[in-house]
Protein backbone atom coordinates (compact mmCIF):
# COMPACT_ATOMS: atom_id res chain seq x y z
CA LEU A 1 0.00 0.00 0.00
CA ASN A 2 1.28 3.48 -0.93
CA GLN A 3 4.53 2.11 -2.36
CA LEU A 4 4.25 3.67 -5.83
CA PRO A 5 5.50 7.22 -6.25
CA LYS A 6 2.64 9.66 -6.93
CA ASP A 7 4.20 10.71 -10.25
CA CYS A 8 4.62 7.24 -11.78
CA PHE A 9 1.71 7.45 -14.26
CA THR A 10 2.60 8.34 -17.86
CA PRO A 11 1.11 11.61 -19.15
CA ASP A 12 -1.48 9.69 -21.20
CA GLY A 13 -2.51 7.72 -18.09
CA LYS A 14 -2.08 4.37 -19.85
CA CYS A 15 0.98 3.04 -17.98
CA ILE A 16 2.76 3.01 -14.65
CA VAL A 17 6.54 3.35 -14.68
CA THR A 18 8.33 1.71 -11.76
CA THR A 19 11.38 -0.29 -10.69
CA SER A 20 11.45 -4.00 -9.96
CA GLU A 21 14.01 -6.71 -9.50
CA TRP A 22 14.57 -8.26 -12.92
CA GLY A 23 16.87 -11.24 -12.67
CA SER A 24 19.69 -10.20 -10.37
CA VAL A 25 19.47 -6.42 -10.93
CA ASN A 26 16.86 -3.66 -10.67
CA LYS A 27 15.28 -2.53 -13.93
CA VAL A 28 12.79 0.15 -14.94
CA LEU A 29 9.48 -1.31 -16.10
CA SER A 30 6.35 -0.05 -17.79
CA ILE A 31 3.07 -1.67 -16.72
CA SER A 32 0.07 -1.21 -19.01
CA LEU A 33 -3.13 -0.29 -17.21
CA ASP A 34 -5.13 -1.57 -20.20
CA ASP A 35 -3.95 -5.19 -20.24
CA GLY A 36 -1.41 -5.52 -17.38
CA LYS A 37 1.51 -6.20 -19.75
CA VAL A 38 4.88 -5.67 -18.04
CA THR A 39 7.62 -4.37 -20.35
CA PRO A 40 11.22 -3.64 -19.35
CA ILE A 41 12.43 -0.23 -20.54
CA ASN A 42 15.87 -1.02 -21.95
CA PHE A 43 18.51 1.69 -21.87
CA ASP A 44 22.12 2.36 -20.96
CA LEU A 45 23.05 5.81 -19.65
CA LEU A 46 26.69 5.27 -20.66
CA SER A 47 25.99 4.37 -24.29
CA ASN A 48 23.36 5.51 -26.80
CA ASP A 49 23.52 2.41 -28.96
CA SER A 50 23.38 -0.51 -26.52
CA TYR A 51 21.54 -2.01 -23.57
CA ASN A 52 23.38 -2.81 -20.37
CA ASP A 53 21.80 -5.90 -18.78
CA LYS A 54 24.33 -5.93 -15.89
CA ALA A 55 23.57 -2.41 -14.61
CA SER A 56 20.96 -1.74 -11.93
CA GLN A 57 18.56 0.99 -12.98
CA GLN A 58 16.07 2.85 -10.81
CA PHE A 59 13.04 4.96 -11.78
CA MET A 60 13.00 8.24 -9.84
CA CYS A 61 10.07 10.20 -11.30
CA LEU A 62 8.57 11.51 -14.53
CA ALA A 63 9.69 14.91 -15.82
CA GLU A 64 7.17 17.55 -16.88
CA ASP A 65 7.72 16.61 -20.54
CA GLY A 66 6.86 12.94 -19.82
CA GLY A 67 10.44 11.65 -19.88
CA ALA A 68 11.62 9.43 -17.04
CA ILE A 69 14.33 10.54 -14.62
CA VAL A 70 16.38 7.44 -13.75
CA THR A 71 19.61 6.33 -12.13
CA GLN A 72 22.02 3.63 -13.21
CA SER A 73 24.68 1.93 -11.12
CA GLU A 74 27.30 -0.72 -11.80
CA ALA A 75 30.10 -2.30 -9.85
CA ASN A 76 33.18 -0.03 -9.68
CA ARG A 77 31.32 3.00 -11.13
CA PRO A 78 29.51 5.87 -9.44
CA THR A 79 25.73 6.10 -9.83
CA ILE A 80 24.61 8.16 -12.85
CA LEU A 81 21.44 10.28 -13.03
CA GLY A 82 19.80 10.61 -16.43
CA LEU A 83 16.67 11.53 -18.38
């Protein structure tokens, strides 16, 4: 109860964006309110052209423009904040 951030709904109101354990790391997920489909949001804050499946990623909140503010952490690297 009351574990979702208040600003986790997409601007169109069709999805919730949240963080969950996905394998052995945390990943950002989108959950459809229409059909309940759970979809990982794949990204890598260190590279524009790849997906880092070993990094832990955390949803922080949605920006005013609808983009997600997230963090990413890996062993031997400082945590990165990104949009």
